[in-house]
Amino acid sequence: MSGWPDGTASAPDGVAAGAGSKTVEAERLRRLFRFFAATQCRGRSAVYEALSEGVAGDDGLLDLLMAAPDEQRRPSLLLAAVSFLLAADPGAALADYYPVHGGQRPVDGQLVSAFAAFCAAHHDELGRLVRTRATQTNEIRRCVALRLGLDYVRRCWPGPVALVEVGASAGLNLLVDRYRYRVGGREVSPAGAGPVLISCDTRGGDPGAEILGPVPEITTRLGIDQQPVSLADPAARAWLQAFIWPEHTADLSVLRAAMDLAIAGAGPAVVPGDAITDTARLLDQLPGREPIVVFTATLFSYLSAGAREAFVAQLRQAAERRPLAWIFAEAPGLIAGTAAATDPGLAALAGPVAHRNSLCLVGAHRLAPGSPGPRRRDDAALLALADPYLRWLAPARHPADDFPWLPATLGPG
């Protein structure tokens, strides 16, 4: 489930899911697609920006998402369902606009009509997909954020760790130490890394060698997800690939290579579980006594404010019995708005960075046992601000950095 939010928690006021009547819901979806086009697609995908605007202006296309459960009515679900079907119909006119399906046609005035025609031709199949499938992605590039956090934890707690991702999808981020990395144009790869190469630009002039330190020994790897993706299932792999955006052919290659690596090595275990009710129980079942590192990437975008507080309470419960650190790559406002997550406080979140929800905040929080208060020795650090898909990373220059040196108008990288 590690996809970037395309609605709910980070959307503008009045765009929350479950709005009520069909007319009200259609208006919510209209605003949501326009928000998605402006904040997520612009500068990243000309195809999806045009299609999102097109869907927003077409009641018939909006109606396709009405078949989905309330919590799954997201632009990404409809767009992925179309791409999933398009992979099996490469001769369709719409495929000409999708480089991931072999197309080379630039965005023009015929794109939206080709999309509408494809949706009409596959109406029943699309209805079935949005009713039965869920938003399910694995953005492997977010391993750069995980590595940044692991290095912070390693410097605080030298030695091996157990690694858990909540919202793990297929669990590919759990193979963080088996990938190669090129950060800021410089390769920084763990010893024995495989053929998968993850690239990330930097902002602020820091060389890659100073950003990513050594990866600690990982003794146990566990993914937790409401609907784990089985890489042994070709249809599940195809659904995961359908969430790659049309122009991002390199991302598709990286995803396929990571899936091949996981399949060849039997991959980490990903078990069914709910973040707000099952996390503590599943962490308690991990073997050993080494610290547990929990990673989340945009998990908060799928949770209500109360659920976010409940998730951190689950982490605190587990931290009563074993050292625990939480590494997050989440929208700044969602972290800032979760009291349980910021106590004893990330100083930078009192400033403007908390309102930059079109970007991603990377941080680490070591949770200490005990009730909130002066005796608890929590430790929280803001590590970086980044593109939500980790196409670039701006490392924090000091613990209370509010990134005044990073332009507020910064667009996608």
Protein backbone atom coordinates (compact mmCIF):
# COMPACT_ATOMS: atom_id res chain seq x y z
CA MET A 1 0.00 0.00 0.00
CA SER A 2 2.99 2.31 -0.24
CA GLY A 3 1.56 4.70 -2.81
CA TRP A 4 1.47 8.48 -2.60
CA PRO A 5 -1.86 9.95 -1.41
CA ASP A 6 -4.21 11.00 -4.15
CA GLY A 7 -6.94 12.11 -1.82
CA THR A 8 -8.33 11.65 1.68
CA ALA A 9 -6.01 12.96 4.35
CA SER A 10 -3.87 15.31 2.27
CA ALA A 11 -6.63 16.63 0.02
CA PRO A 12 -8.26 20.05 0.48
CA ASP A 13 -11.04 20.54 2.99
CA GLY A 14 -14.29 18.95 1.86
CA VAL A 15 -12.67 16.18 -0.19
CA ALA A 16 -12.71 13.48 2.45
CA ALA A 17 -14.11 10.07 1.50
CA GLY A 18 -17.60 8.92 2.39
CA ALA A 19 -19.35 12.16 1.54
CA GLY A 20 -22.90 10.79 1.36
CA SER A 21 -25.29 11.09 -1.60
CA LYS A 22 -24.24 10.20 -5.13
CA THR A 23 -24.36 13.84 -6.22
CA VAL A 24 -22.17 14.94 -3.33
CA GLU A 25 -19.80 12.03 -3.92
CA ALA A 26 -19.47 12.86 -7.60
CA GLU A 27 -18.52 16.43 -6.70
CA ARG A 28 -15.98 15.13 -4.19
CA LEU A 29 -14.41 12.93 -6.86
CA ARG A 30 -14.38 15.80 -9.33
CA ARG A 31 -12.40 17.95 -6.91
CA LEU A 32 -10.18 15.02 -6.00
CA PHE A 33 -9.16 14.33 -9.62
CA ARG A 34 -8.36 18.03 -10.13
CA PHE A 35 -6.34 18.08 -6.91
CA PHE A 36 -4.49 14.96 -8.05
CA ALA A 37 -3.76 16.50 -11.44
CA ALA A 38 -2.40 19.71 -9.93
CA THR A 39 -0.40 18.35 -6.98
CA GLN A 40 0.75 14.89 -8.06
CA CYS A 41 0.67 14.64 -11.86
CA ARG A 42 1.90 18.06 -12.96
CA GLY A 43 5.55 17.76 -13.84
CA ARG A 44 5.51 13.99 -13.35
CA SER A 45 3.05 12.66 -15.92
CA ALA A 46 1.53 14.70 -18.75
CA VAL A 47 -0.72 11.73 -19.59
CA TYR A 48 -2.18 11.41 -16.10
CA GLU A 49 -2.49 15.16 -15.66
CA ALA A 50 -4.58 15.39 -18.83
CA LEU A 51 -6.61 12.30 -17.99
CA SER A 52 -7.29 13.43 -14.43
CA GLU A 53 -8.59 16.77 -15.70
CA GLY A 54 -10.61 14.91 -18.33
CA VAL A 55 -12.19 12.53 -15.81
CA ALA A 56 -13.03 15.49 -13.55
CA GLY A 57 -15.07 17.01 -16.38
CA ASP A 58 -16.94 13.83 -17.38
CA ASP A 59 -19.73 12.53 -15.13
CA GLY A 60 -19.74 9.18 -16.91
CA LEU A 61 -16.05 8.58 -16.19
CA LEU A 62 -16.45 9.73 -12.59
CA ASP A 63 -19.28 7.25 -12.21
CA LEU A 64 -16.88 4.36 -12.90
CA LEU A 65 -15.38 4.85 -9.44
CA MET A 66 -18.77 4.69 -7.72
CA ALA A 67 -18.51 0.90 -7.81
CA ALA A 68 -15.44 0.99 -5.55
CA PRO A 69 -15.67 0.90 -1.74
CA ASP A 70 -15.69 4.39 -0.21
CA GLU A 71 -12.10 4.18 1.03
CA GLN A 72 -10.83 3.06 -2.39
CA ARG A 73 -12.36 5.85 -4.49
CA ARG A 74 -9.04 7.31 -5.57
CA PRO A 75 -7.79 8.48 -8.96
CA SER A 76 -4.95 5.97 -8.79
CA LEU A 77 -7.37 3.04 -8.59
CA LEU A 78 -9.23 3.94 -11.78
CA LEU A 79 -6.06 4.85 -13.67
CA ALA A 80 -4.37 1.61 -12.62
CA ALA A 81 -7.41 -0.48 -13.57
CA VAL A 82 -7.31 1.03 -17.06
CA SER A 83 -3.56 0.43 -17.37
CA PHE A 84 -4.02 -3.16 -16.16
CA LEU A 85 -6.52 -3.85 -18.95
CA LEU A 86 -4.46 -1.91 -21.46
CA ALA A 87 -1.49 -4.24 -20.88
CA ALA A 88 -3.62 -7.03 -22.38
CA ASP A 89 -4.86 -4.83 -25.25
CA PRO A 90 -1.75 -3.09 -26.65
CA GLY A 91 -3.48 -2.52 -29.98
CA ALA A 92 -5.99 -0.11 -28.44
CA ALA A 93 -5.70 3.52 -29.53
CA LEU A 94 -5.18 4.54 -25.89
CA ALA A 95 -1.99 2.44 -25.68
CA ASP A 96 -0.35 4.81 -28.17
CA TYR A 97 -0.07 7.37 -25.33
CA TYR A 98 1.48 4.95 -22.80
CA PRO A 99 5.24 4.39 -23.18
CA VAL A 100 5.01 1.59 -20.58
CA HIS A 101 2.82 -0.23 -23.13
CA GLY A 102 5.02 0.65 -26.09
CA GLY A 103 3.30 3.89 -27.14
CA GLN A 104 5.12 7.00 -28.32
CA ARG A 105 2.31 9.43 -29.11
CA PRO A 106 2.53 12.75 -27.22
CA VAL A 107 -0.44 14.10 -25.29
CA ASP A 108 -2.92 15.79 -27.63
CA GLY A 109 -6.59 16.63 -27.91
CA GLN A 110 -7.54 13.02 -28.65
CA LEU A 111 -6.18 11.48 -25.44
CA VAL A 112 -9.25 11.94 -23.25
CA SER A 113 -11.63 10.71 -25.95
CA ALA A 114 -9.42 7.62 -26.46
CA PHE A 115 -9.53 7.03 -22.71
CA ALA A 116 -13.32 7.39 -22.62
CA ALA A 117 -13.71 5.03 -25.57
CA PHE A 118 -11.48 2.42 -23.90
CA CYS A 119 -13.44 2.71 -20.66
CA ALA A 120 -16.73 2.27 -22.53
CA ALA A 121 -15.42 -0.81 -24.33
CA HIS A 122 -14.26 -2.34 -21.03
CA HIS A 123 -16.98 -0.99 -18.76
CA ASP A 124 -17.87 -4.28 -17.06
CA GLU A 125 -14.24 -5.32 -16.55
CA LEU A 126 -13.40 -1.93 -15.06
CA GLY A 127 -16.37 -2.16 -12.73
CA ARG A 128 -15.22 -5.55 -11.50
CA LEU A 129 -11.65 -4.33 -10.93
CA VAL A 130 -12.58 -1.23 -8.93
CA ARG A 131 -15.06 -3.25 -6.85
CA THR A 132 -12.63 -6.01 -5.95
CA ARG A 133 -9.13 -4.51 -6.12
CA ALA A 134 -7.34 -2.02 -3.88
CA THR A 135 -4.71 0.64 -4.38
CA GLN A 136 -1.50 -1.37 -4.13
CA THR A 137 1.94 -0.07 -5.04
CA ASN A 138 5.61 -0.55 -4.26
CA GLU A 139 7.71 2.55 -4.94
CA ILE A 140 11.18 1.02 -4.65
CA ARG A 141 12.87 4.43 -4.73
CA ARG A 142 11.55 5.04 -1.21
CA CYS A 143 14.30 2.70 -0.04
CA VAL A 144 16.50 5.82 -0.17
CA ALA A 145 14.42 7.26 2.70
CA LEU A 146 14.59 3.94 4.53
CA ARG A 147 18.37 3.84 4.18
CA LEU A 148 18.64 7.37 5.50
CA GLY A 149 16.62 6.36 8.55
CA LEU A 150 18.52 3.11 9.05
CA ASP A 151 21.78 5.03 9.15
CA TYR A 152 20.35 7.31 11.85
CA VAL A 153 19.23 4.29 13.88
CA ARG A 154 22.60 2.58 13.37
CA ARG A 155 24.42 5.57 14.83
CA CYS A 156 22.11 5.54 17.86
CA TRP A 157 21.95 1.78 18.30
CA PRO A 158 24.98 0.02 16.75
CA GLY A 159 24.33 -3.60 15.92
CA PRO A 160 21.72 -5.71 14.15
CA VAL A 161 18.05 -4.77 13.82
CA ALA A 162 14.76 -6.42 12.87
CA LEU A 163 13.05 -4.60 9.99
CA VAL A 164 9.26 -4.29 9.61
CA GLU A 165 7.27 -2.32 7.04
CA VAL A 166 3.64 -1.50 7.74
CA GLY A 167 1.74 -1.08 4.46
CA ALA A 168 4.33 -3.27 2.76
CA SER A 169 2.44 -4.38 -0.36
CA ALA A 170 4.75 -7.07 -1.80
CA GLY A 171 7.52 -6.32 0.70
CA LEU A 172 10.07 -5.13 -1.85
CA ASN A 173 11.32 -2.27 0.35
CA LEU A 174 12.38 -4.86 2.90
CA LEU A 175 15.18 -5.83 0.52
CA VAL A 176 16.74 -2.41 1.08
CA ASP A 177 20.27 -3.79 1.57
CA ARG A 178 20.15 -5.86 -1.63
CA TYR A 179 19.79 -2.96 -4.04
CA ARG A 180 22.40 -0.66 -5.54
CA TYR A 181 22.00 3.12 -5.15
CA ARG A 182 23.00 6.17 -7.13
CA VAL A 183 22.32 9.27 -5.03
CA GLY A 184 23.25 12.71 -6.28
CA GLY A 185 24.96 11.12 -9.28
CA ARG A 186 27.26 9.01 -7.11
CA GLU A 187 26.91 5.29 -6.51
CA VAL A 188 26.67 4.25 -2.86
CA SER A 189 25.84 0.55 -2.71
CA PRO A 190 25.98 -2.04 0.09
CA ALA A 191 28.47 -4.86 -0.27
CA GLY A 192 26.95 -7.81 -2.11
CA ALA A 193 24.09 -5.75 -3.60
CA GLY A 194 22.32 -7.23 -6.61
CA PRO A 195 21.59 -5.83 -10.08
CA VAL A 196 18.71 -3.51 -9.11
CA LEU A 197 19.83 0.14 -9.25
CA ILE A 198 17.84 2.88 -7.49
CA SER A 199 18.58 6.47 -8.51
CA CYS A 200 17.75 9.63 -6.57
CA ASP A 201 18.84 13.23 -7.16
CA THR A 202 19.76 15.53 -4.30
CA ARG A 203 18.97 19.14 -3.48
CA GLY A 204 21.28 21.22 -1.35
CA GLY A 205 24.64 20.07 -2.71
CA ASP A 206 25.39 17.15 -0.40
CA PRO A 207 27.35 14.33 -2.04
CA GLY A 208 25.75 10.90 -2.00
CA ALA A 209 28.53 9.38 0.09
CA GLU A 210 27.58 11.66 2.99
CA ILE A 211 23.86 10.92 2.74
CA LEU A 212 23.71 7.12 2.87
CA GLY A 213 25.77 5.34 5.49
CA PRO A 214 26.26 1.59 5.94
CA VAL A 215 23.18 -0.61 6.29
CA PRO A 216 23.02 -2.41 9.64
CA GLU A 217 22.69 -6.17 9.72
CA ILE A 218 19.02 -7.11 9.31
CA THR A 219 18.15 -10.25 11.25
CA THR A 220 14.42 -10.48 10.48
CA ARG A 221 12.25 -8.94 7.76
CA LEU A 222 8.48 -8.72 8.03
CA GLY A 223 5.85 -6.89 6.01
CA ILE A 224 2.37 -6.10 7.29
CA ASP A 225 -0.42 -5.19 4.86
CA GLN A 226 -4.18 -5.41 4.77
CA GLN A 227 -3.96 -7.14 1.38
CA PRO A 228 -0.46 -8.57 0.88
CA VAL A 229 0.69 -9.00 -2.72
CA SER A 230 1.86 -12.51 -3.58
CA LEU A 231 4.65 -12.29 -6.13
CA ALA A 232 4.04 -15.96 -6.95
CA ASP A 233 0.75 -14.86 -8.58
CA PRO A 234 1.23 -13.46 -12.13
CA ALA A 235 -2.03 -11.50 -11.87
CA ALA A 236 -0.87 -9.88 -8.61
CA ARG A 237 2.43 -8.90 -10.23
CA ALA A 238 0.54 -7.42 -13.19
CA TRP A 239 -1.69 -5.41 -10.84
CA LEU A 240 1.38 -4.03 -9.07
CA GLN A 241 2.89 -3.02 -12.43
CA ALA A 242 -0.36 -1.28 -13.42
CA PHE A 243 0.38 1.44 -10.85
CA ILE A 244 3.50 2.55 -12.73
CA TRP A 245 2.66 5.81 -14.50
CA PRO A 246 2.55 5.84 -18.32
CA GLU A 247 5.84 7.66 -19.00
CA HIS A 248 7.87 5.96 -16.25
CA THR A 249 9.41 3.11 -18.21
CA ALA A 250 12.56 3.13 -16.06
CA ASP A 251 10.44 2.70 -12.92
CA LEU A 252 8.72 -0.26 -14.54
CA SER A 253 12.11 -1.87 -15.26
CA VAL A 254 13.24 -1.33 -11.66
CA LEU A 255 10.00 -2.79 -10.27
CA ARG A 256 10.27 -5.86 -12.48
CA ALA A 257 13.90 -6.40 -11.52
CA ALA A 258 13.07 -6.04 -7.81
CA MET A 259 10.23 -8.55 -8.14
CA ASP A 260 12.57 -10.98 -9.91
CA LEU A 261 15.12 -10.56 -7.11
CA ALA A 262 12.48 -11.22 -4.45
CA ILE A 263 11.13 -14.27 -6.26
CA ALA A 264 14.62 -15.71 -6.77
CA GLY A 265 15.42 -15.33 -3.06
CA ALA A 266 11.98 -16.35 -1.76
CA GLY A 267 11.45 -12.73 -0.63
CA PRO A 268 10.49 -11.47 2.84
CA ALA A 269 7.29 -12.57 4.53
CA VAL A 270 4.31 -10.21 4.22
CA VAL A 271 1.42 -11.10 6.50
CA PRO A 272 -2.17 -9.78 6.63
CA GLY A 273 -2.70 -7.18 9.33
CA ASP A 274 -4.36 -3.88 10.14
CA ALA A 275 -2.01 -1.05 11.10
CA ILE A 276 -4.17 0.21 13.97
CA THR A 277 -5.17 -3.11 15.55
CA ASP A 278 -2.52 -5.72 14.69
CA THR A 279 0.85 -3.95 14.64
CA ALA A 280 1.80 -4.42 18.32
CA ARG A 281 0.75 -8.07 18.32
CA LEU A 282 2.77 -8.86 15.20
CA LEU A 283 5.83 -6.99 16.49
CA ASP A 284 5.63 -8.92 19.76
CA GLN A 285 5.90 -12.17 17.78
CA LEU A 286 9.25 -11.29 16.23
CA PRO A 287 12.15 -13.46 17.45
CA GLY A 288 15.22 -12.04 19.21
CA ARG A 289 15.79 -8.97 21.38
CA GLU A 290 17.56 -6.63 18.94
CA PRO A 291 15.85 -3.30 18.23
CA ILE A 292 12.91 -3.27 15.85
CA VAL A 293 12.85 -0.70 13.06
CA VAL A 294 9.36 0.00 11.67
CA PHE A 295 9.12 1.75 8.29
CA THR A 296 6.05 3.47 6.85
CA ALA A 297 5.81 5.28 3.52
CA THR A 298 2.62 7.33 3.01
CA LEU A 299 0.70 5.01 5.32
CA PHE A 300 -0.78 8.07 7.05
CA SER A 301 -2.52 9.17 3.85
CA TYR A 302 -4.78 6.13 4.20
CA LEU A 303 -5.63 6.73 7.87
CA SER A 304 -7.96 9.14 9.62
CA ALA A 305 -6.57 11.43 12.31
CA GLY A 306 -7.78 9.05 15.01
CA ALA A 307 -6.32 6.05 13.24
CA ARG A 308 -2.94 7.77 12.95
CA GLU A 309 -2.91 8.33 16.72
CA ALA A 310 -3.94 4.70 17.22
CA PHE A 311 -1.11 3.45 15.01
CA VAL A 312 1.52 5.34 17.02
CA ALA A 313 -0.09 3.95 20.18
CA GLN A 314 0.50 0.47 18.72
CA LEU A 315 4.19 1.32 18.29
CA ARG A 316 4.39 2.61 21.86
CA GLN A 317 2.80 -0.59 23.12
CA ALA A 318 5.45 -2.67 21.34
CA ALA A 319 8.21 -0.35 22.61
CA GLU A 320 7.28 -1.30 26.19
CA ARG A 321 8.87 -4.69 25.58
CA ARG A 322 11.66 -4.03 23.09
CA PRO A 323 13.68 -1.08 21.71
CA LEU A 324 11.79 0.34 18.73
CA ALA A 325 12.44 3.04 16.14
CA TRP A 326 9.98 4.30 13.55
CA ILE A 327 11.28 5.58 10.21
CA PHE A 328 8.68 7.47 8.22
CA ALA A 329 8.30 9.01 4.77
CA GLU A 330 4.98 10.81 5.15
CA ALA A 331 3.27 14.09 4.27
CA PRO A 332 4.59 16.73 6.71
CA GLY A 333 1.15 17.95 7.75
CA LEU A 334 0.02 14.46 8.69
CA ILE A 335 3.03 13.97 10.95
CA ALA A 336 2.63 17.48 12.42
CA GLY A 337 -1.07 16.82 13.05
CA THR A 338 -0.47 13.59 14.96
CA ALA A 339 0.35 14.49 18.55
CA ALA A 340 1.47 10.99 19.46
CA ALA A 341 3.97 11.07 16.60
CA THR A 342 5.57 14.42 17.38
CA ASP A 343 5.81 14.25 21.18
CA PRO A 344 8.43 15.27 22.38
CA GLY A 345 8.37 17.27 19.18
CA LEU A 346 10.13 17.88 15.90
CA ALA A 347 10.96 21.56 16.12
CA ALA A 348 10.81 22.12 12.37
CA LEU A 349 7.16 21.06 12.30
CA ALA A 350 6.21 24.23 14.16
CA GLY A 351 7.15 26.16 11.00
CA PRO A 352 6.10 26.31 7.35
CA VAL A 353 7.40 22.85 6.48
CA ALA A 354 4.29 21.36 8.12
CA HIS A 355 2.18 22.85 5.32
CA ARG A 356 4.21 21.43 2.42
CA ASN A 357 2.03 18.38 1.87
CA SER A 358 2.90 18.09 -1.80
CA LEU A 359 6.32 16.92 -0.58
CA CYS A 360 7.42 14.10 1.72
CA LEU A 361 9.00 14.36 5.17
CA VAL A 362 11.61 11.75 6.06
CA GLY A 363 12.26 11.29 9.76
CA ALA A 364 13.09 8.84 12.52
CA HIS A 365 11.54 8.49 15.95
CA ARG A 366 12.98 6.26 18.66
CA LEU A 367 10.16 5.47 21.05
CA ALA A 368 10.86 5.00 24.74
CA PRO A 369 8.64 2.97 27.06
CA GLY A 370 6.35 4.71 29.53
CA SER A 371 3.51 7.20 29.40
CA PRO A 372 4.00 10.60 27.73
CA GLY A 373 5.76 13.01 30.02
CA PRO A 374 9.13 14.37 31.11
CA ARG A 375 10.48 10.98 32.19
CA ARG A 376 10.06 9.39 28.80
CA ARG A 377 13.17 9.71 26.67
CA ASP A 378 11.87 9.73 23.14
CA ASP A 379 14.19 10.80 20.37
CA ALA A 380 12.88 12.28 17.12
CA ALA A 381 14.82 13.63 14.15
CA LEU A 382 13.82 15.23 10.88
CA LEU A 383 16.20 13.81 8.25
CA ALA A 384 15.08 15.19 4.88
CA LEU A 385 12.38 16.70 2.71
CA ALA A 386 11.82 14.89 -0.56
CA ASP A 387 9.77 14.45 -3.67
CA PRO A 388 6.91 12.08 -2.69
CA TYR A 389 8.33 9.43 -5.02
CA LEU A 390 11.90 10.06 -3.82
CA ARG A 391 13.05 11.29 -7.22
CA TRP A 392 15.05 13.82 -5.21
CA LEU A 393 16.03 14.24 -1.59
CA ALA A 394 17.05 17.37 0.34
CA PRO A 395 18.84 16.30 3.55
CA ALA A 396 18.19 18.39 6.64
CA ARG A 397 21.12 20.65 7.49
CA HIS A 398 20.44 20.64 11.24
CA PRO A 399 17.87 19.02 13.60
CA ALA A 400 15.42 21.96 13.48
CA ASP A 401 15.82 22.67 9.75
CA ASP A 402 12.61 24.12 8.31
CA PHE A 403 14.15 24.17 4.81
CA PRO A 404 14.01 27.94 4.24
CA TRP A 405 16.72 27.38 1.63
CA LEU A 406 14.48 25.04 -0.38
CA PRO A 407 12.14 27.14 -2.60
CA ALA A 408 8.55 27.04 -1.41
CA THR A 409 7.47 26.87 -5.07
CA LEU A 410 9.57 23.77 -5.67
CA GLY A 411 7.85 21.51 -8.17
CA PRO A 412 8.29 17.83 -8.95
CA GLY A 413 11.80 16.67 -9.66
